[in-house]
C-alpha atoms as a PDB file:
ATOM      1  CA  MET A   1     303.796-102.802  29.645  1.00  0.00           C
ATOM      2  CA  ALA A   2     305.767-100.833  32.166  1.00  0.00           C
ATOM      3  CA  LEU A   3     308.751-102.253  33.915  1.00  0.00           C
ATOM      4  CA  GLY A   4     310.640-100.926  36.800  1.00  0.00           C
ATOM      5  CA  CYS A   5     312.539-101.424  39.763  1.00  0.00           C
ATOM      6  CA  ASN A   6     314.677 -99.740  42.573  1.00  0.00           C
ATOM      7  CA  LEU A   7     316.683-102.897  44.102  1.00  0.00           C
ATOM      8  CA  PRO A   8     318.792-105.013  42.071  1.00  0.00           C
ATOM      9  CA  GLY A   9     318.054-108.177  43.637  1.00  0.00           C
ATOM     10  CA  ALA A  10     320.688-110.810  42.539  1.00  0.00           C
ATOM     11  CA  TYR A  11     321.998-108.768  39.513  1.00  0.00           C
ATOM     12  CA  THR A  12     324.792-106.506  39.583  1.00  0.00           C
ATOM     13  CA  SER A  13     322.621-103.438  38.879  1.00  0.00           C
ATOM     14  CA  ARG A  14     318.930-102.342  38.300  1.00  0.00           C
ATOM     15  CA  GLU A  15     319.617-102.070  34.648  1.00  0.00           C
ATOM     16  CA  ALA A  16     320.822-105.500  34.465  1.00  0.00           C
ATOM     17  CA  LEU A  17     317.689-106.896  36.205  1.00  0.00           C
ATOM     18  CA  LEU A  18     315.535-104.992  33.776  1.00  0.00           C
ATOM     19  CA  GLU A  19     317.240-106.379  30.489  1.00  0.00           C
ATOM     20  CA  ALA A  20     316.988-109.603  32.169  1.00  0.00           C
ATOM     21  CA  ALA A  21     313.353-109.387  32.609  1.00  0.00           C
ATOM     22  CA  LEU A  22     312.906-108.233  28.897  1.00  0.00           C
ATOM     23  CA  VAL A  23     314.849-111.588  27.965  1.00  0.00           C
ATOM     24  CA  ALA A  24     312.262-113.423  29.956  1.00  0.00           C
ATOM     25  CA  LEU A  25     309.188-111.996  28.307  1.00  0.00           C
ATOM     26  CA  PRO A  26     309.200-114.291  24.901  1.00  0.00           C
ATOM     27  CA  HIS A  27     309.219-117.223  27.275  1.00  0.00           C
ATOM     28  CA  GLU A  28     305.794-116.214  28.409  1.00  0.00           C
ATOM     29  CA  ARG A  29     304.655-115.665  25.026  1.00  0.00           C
ATOM     30  CA  LEU A  30     305.045-111.817  25.127  1.00  0.00           C
ATOM     31  CA  GLU A  31     307.285-110.904  21.953  1.00  0.00           C
ATOM     32  CA  VAL A  32     308.900-107.506  22.397  1.00  0.00           C
ATOM     33  CA  VAL A  33     308.063-105.489  19.376  1.00  0.00           C
ATOM     34  CA  ALA A  34     309.634-102.154  20.690  1.00  0.00           C
ATOM     35  CA  ARG A  35     311.260-100.737  23.838  1.00  0.00           C
ATOM     36  CA  SER A  36     312.173 -97.260  25.370  1.00  0.00           C
ATOM     37  CA  SER A  37     315.230 -96.280  26.990  1.00  0.00           C
ATOM     38  CA  TRP A  38     315.448 -96.628  30.653  1.00  0.00           C
ATOM     39  CA  TRP A  39     314.201 -93.638  32.729  1.00  0.00           C
ATOM     40  CA  ARG A  40     315.221 -92.672  36.228  1.00  0.00           C
ATOM     41  CA  SER A  41     313.031 -91.174  38.957  1.00  0.00           C
ATOM     42  CA  ASP A  42     312.829 -90.582  42.781  1.00  0.00           C
ATOM     43  CA  ALA A  43     311.237 -93.357  44.842  1.00  0.00           C
ATOM     44  CA  TRP A  44     307.562 -92.350  45.514  1.00  0.00           C
ATOM     45  CA  PRO A  45     305.972 -91.496  47.826  1.00  0.00           C
ATOM     46  CA  ASP A  46     309.109 -91.188  49.849  1.00  0.00           C
ATOM     47  CA  PRO A  47     311.860 -89.550  47.745  1.00  0.00           C
ATOM     48  CA  ASN A  48     314.455 -90.614  50.318  1.00  0.00           C
ATOM     49  CA  GLY A  49     313.944 -94.409  49.097  1.00  0.00           C
ATOM     50  CA  PRO A  50     316.150 -96.005  46.290  1.00  0.00           C
ATOM     51  CA  GLU A  51     315.886 -94.413  43.093  1.00  0.00           C
ATOM     52  CA  TYR A  52     313.869 -96.097  40.527  1.00  0.00           C
ATOM     53  CA  LEU A  53     314.748 -97.263  36.962  1.00  0.00           C
ATOM     54  CA  ASN A  54     311.476 -97.720  34.676  1.00  0.00           C
ATOM     55  CA  GLY A  55     310.779 -98.300  30.989  1.00  0.00           C
ATOM     56  CA  VAL A  56     308.220 -99.537  28.610  1.00  0.00           C
ATOM     57  CA  THR A  57     307.922-102.227  26.132  1.00  0.00           C
ATOM     58  CA  LEU A  58     305.277-102.768  23.496  1.00  0.00           C
ATOM     59  CA  VAL A  59     304.674-106.442  23.135  1.00  0.00           C
ATOM     60  CA  ARG A  60     302.678-108.824  20.813  1.00  0.00           C
ATOM     61  CA  THR A  61     300.671-111.656  22.303  1.00  0.00           C
ATOM     62  CA  ALA A  62     297.710-114.113  21.740  1.00  0.00           C
ATOM     63  CA  LEU A  63     297.146-113.986  25.325  1.00  0.00           C
ATOM     64  CA  SER A  64     294.114-112.529  27.005  1.00  0.00           C
ATOM     65  CA  PRO A  65     294.507-109.553  29.503  1.00  0.00           C
ATOM     66  CA  ALA A  66     294.112-111.836  32.460  1.00  0.00           C
ATOM     67  CA  GLU A  67     296.713-114.415  31.054  1.00  0.00           C
ATOM     68  CA  THR A  68     299.061-111.573  30.059  1.00  0.00           C
ATOM     69  CA  LEU A  69     298.882-110.326  33.617  1.00  0.00           C
ATOM     70  CA  ALA A  70     299.279-113.586  35.172  1.00  0.00           C
ATOM     71  CA  ALA A  71     302.394-114.108  33.106  1.00  0.00           C
ATOM     72  CA  LEU A  72     303.709-110.927  34.246  1.00  0.00           C
ATOM     73  CA  HIS A  73     303.404-111.937  37.929  1.00  0.00           C
ATOM     74  CA  ARG A  74     305.209-115.258  37.212  1.00  0.00           C
ATOM     75  CA  ILE A  75     308.210-113.319  35.923  1.00  0.00           C
ATOM     76  CA  GLU A  76     308.166-110.872  38.949  1.00  0.00           C
ATOM     77  CA  ALA A  77     308.221-113.815  41.151  1.00  0.00           C
ATOM     78  CA  ARG A  78     310.985-115.333  39.277  1.00  0.00           C
ATOM     79  CA  PHE A  79     313.035-112.221  39.690  1.00  0.00           C
ATOM     80  CA  GLY A  80     312.589-112.248  43.581  1.00  0.00           C
ATOM     81  CA  ARG A  81     309.495-109.804  43.710  1.00  0.00           C
ATOM     82  CA  ALA A  82     307.659-110.343  47.222  1.00  0.00           C
ATOM     83  CA  ARG A  83     304.234-108.365  47.544  1.00  0.00           C
ATOM     84  CA  GLY A  84     303.838-106.484  50.593  1.00  0.00           C
ATOM     85  CA  GLU A  85     303.558-102.936  51.616  1.00  0.00           C
ATOM     86  CA  ALA A  86     302.266-100.626  48.826  1.00  0.00           C
ATOM     87  CA  ASN A  87     305.063 -98.514  47.224  1.00  0.00           C
ATOM     88  CA  ALA A  88     307.564-100.407  49.118  1.00  0.00           C
ATOM     89  CA  ALA A  89     311.131-100.709  47.341  1.00  0.00           C
ATOM     90  CA  ARG A  90     311.115-103.821  44.932  1.00  0.00           C
ATOM     91  CA  THR A  91     313.285-105.797  42.630  1.00  0.00           C
ATOM     92  CA  LEU A  92     310.747-105.969  39.665  1.00  0.00           C
ATOM     93  CA  ASP A  93     307.329-104.440  38.839  1.00  0.00           C
ATOM     94  CA  LEU A  94     305.745-105.443  35.771  1.00  0.00           C
ATOM     95  CA  ASP A  95     302.460-103.410  34.934  1.00  0.00           C
ATOM     96  CA  LEU A  96     300.237-104.283  32.213  1.00  0.00           C
ATOM     97  CA  VAL A  97     299.501-100.622  30.931  1.00  0.00           C
ATOM     98  CA  ALA A  98     297.007-101.478  28.259  1.00  0.00           C
ATOM     99  CA  HIS A  99     295.923-104.420  26.130  1.00  0.00           C
ATOM    100  CA  GLY A 100     294.978-103.320  22.766  1.00  0.00           C
ATOM    101  CA  ARG A 101     291.713-101.070  23.019  1.00  0.00           C
ATOM    102  CA  ASN A 102     290.431-103.273  25.902  1.00  0.00           C
ATOM    103  CA  VAL A 103     288.761-101.631  28.878  1.00  0.00           C
ATOM    104  CA  LEU A 104     288.078-104.058  31.672  1.00  0.00           C
ATOM    105  CA  ASP A 105     286.974-103.508  35.221  1.00  0.00           C
ATOM    106  CA  ASP A 106     286.114-106.680  36.849  1.00  0.00           C
ATOM    107  CA  VAL A 107     288.780-109.322  37.515  1.00  0.00           C
ATOM    108  CA  ILE A 108     291.433-107.105  36.328  1.00  0.00           C
ATOM    109  CA  VAL A 109     291.488-103.381  35.554  1.00  0.00           C
ATOM    110  CA  VAL A 110     292.731-102.456  32.045  1.00  0.00           C
ATOM    111  CA  PRO A 111     293.804 -99.933  31.335  1.00  0.00           C
ATOM    112  CA  HIS A 112     296.123 -99.684  34.392  1.00  0.00           C
ATOM    113  CA  PRO A 113     294.270 -97.076  36.452  1.00  0.00           C
ATOM    114  CA  ARG A 114     297.011 -95.003  37.233  1.00  0.00           C
ATOM    115  CA  ALA A 115     299.399 -95.091  34.375  1.00  0.00           C
ATOM    116  CA  HIS A 116     298.353 -92.191  32.749  1.00  0.00           C
ATOM    117  CA  GLU A 117     299.260 -90.098  36.135  1.00  0.00           C
ATOM    118  CA  ARG A 118     302.976 -91.340  35.969  1.00  0.00           C
ATOM    119  CA  LEU A 119     305.352 -89.423  33.943  1.00  0.00           C
ATOM    120  CA  PHE A 120     307.732 -92.536  34.474  1.00  0.00           C
ATOM    121  CA  VAL A 121     305.272 -94.476  32.430  1.00  0.00           C
ATOM    122  CA  MET A 122     304.134 -92.072  29.828  1.00  0.00           C
ATOM    123  CA  GLY A 123     307.456 -90.465  29.049  1.00  0.00           C
ATOM    124  CA  PRO A 124     308.925 -94.157  28.015  1.00  0.00           C
ATOM    125  CA  LEU A 125     305.519 -95.095  26.400  1.00  0.00           C
ATOM    126  CA  ALA A 126     305.686 -91.565  24.175  1.00  0.00           C
ATOM    127  CA  GLU A 127     309.455 -92.484  23.196  1.00  0.00           C
ATOM    128  CA  VAL A 128     308.151 -95.743  21.626  1.00  0.00           C
ATOM    129  CA  ALA A 129     304.528 -95.053  20.476  1.00  0.00           C
ATOM    130  CA  PRO A 130     303.902 -91.111  20.901  1.00  0.00           C
ATOM    131  CA  GLY A 131     300.539 -91.534  19.238  1.00  0.00           C
ATOM    132  CA  TRP A 132     299.172 -94.456  21.469  1.00  0.00           C
ATOM    133  CA  VAL A 133     295.799 -93.378  22.410  1.00  0.00           C
ATOM    134  CA  HIS A 134     294.519 -94.206  25.873  1.00  0.00           C
ATOM    135  CA  PRO A 135     291.558 -96.412  25.705  1.00  0.00           C
ATOM    136  CA  VAL A 136     289.240 -94.215  28.193  1.00  0.00           C
ATOM    137  CA  SER A 137     290.660 -90.594  28.022  1.00  0.00           C
ATOM    138  CA  GLY A 138     291.139 -90.600  24.306  1.00  0.00           C
ATOM    139  CA  ARG A 139     294.592 -88.733  25.111  1.00  0.00           C
ATOM    140  CA  THR A 140     297.828 -89.698  23.258  1.00  0.00           C
ATOM    141  CA  ALA A 141     300.810 -90.810  25.070  1.00  0.00           C
ATOM    142  CA  LEU A 142     302.639 -87.684  24.341  1.00  0.00           C
ATOM    143  CA  ARG A 143     299.898 -85.566  25.507  1.00  0.00           C
ATOM    144  CA  LEU A 144     299.844 -87.371  28.905  1.00  0.00           C
ATOM    145  CA  THR A 145     303.219 -86.738  29.565  1.00  0.00           C
ATOM    146  CA  ARG A 146     302.329 -83.180  30.040  1.00  0.00           C
ATOM    147  CA  THR A 147     299.503 -83.784  32.259  1.00  0.00           C
ATOM    148  CA  ALA A 148     301.257 -86.714  34.223  1.00  0.00           C
ATOM    149  CA  THR A 149     301.282 -85.518  38.272  1.00  0.00           C
ATOM    150  CA  VAL A 150     303.378 -88.343  39.652  1.00  0.00           C
ATOM    151  CA  GLY A 151     307.196 -88.564  39.147  1.00  0.00           C
ATOM    152  CA  ARG A 152     307.430 -85.304  37.365  1.00  0.00           C
ATOM    153  CA  ASP A 153     311.004 -85.704  38.208  1.00  0.00           C
ATOM    154  CA  ALA A 154     311.422 -88.585  35.690  1.00  0.00           C
ATOM    155  CA  ARG A 155     313.934 -88.427  32.753  1.00  0.00           C
ATOM    156  CA  PRO A 156     315.850 -90.368  30.543  1.00  0.00           C
ATOM    157  CA  ARG A 157     318.998 -92.240  32.091  1.00  0.00           C
ATOM    158  CA  GLU A 158     322.230 -91.089  30.643  1.00  0.00           C
ATOM    159  CA  ARG A 159     324.072 -94.062  28.986  1.00  0.00           C
ATOM    160  CA  ARG A 160     327.454 -94.926  30.634  1.00  0.00           C
END
């Protein structure tokens, strides 16, 4: 799953908010197995907006894809996420990038229909699982970092 934000909400920083979101995952039966570093990128599509901080975490769960997505939406709501205008600044964005090898296109879409286009998702994913294979395209996360077209400015954030 992918995590991102460009507003800290009630937290002292975007990083603090994302770290708190990671802590919330097990409470929704989402066990963190691995996580990437945080990556920064300009706001998209308007680069004048607040900069984003993004990362990826691999989770283990017995939840179905629909139950997993519902759990992610509950966490977003607890962190002040208000859904409205597309691509608007947000306190927390949790995306279900994939759910095993499942390919769904009914109530929910899995794998995420645009994750493979986003360097701020594929870069962090390639950190923790470079050999992960996209269930539709058959391309690895590492290969997808080279073909991603959105967020080409994304890069790991320097540690402070």
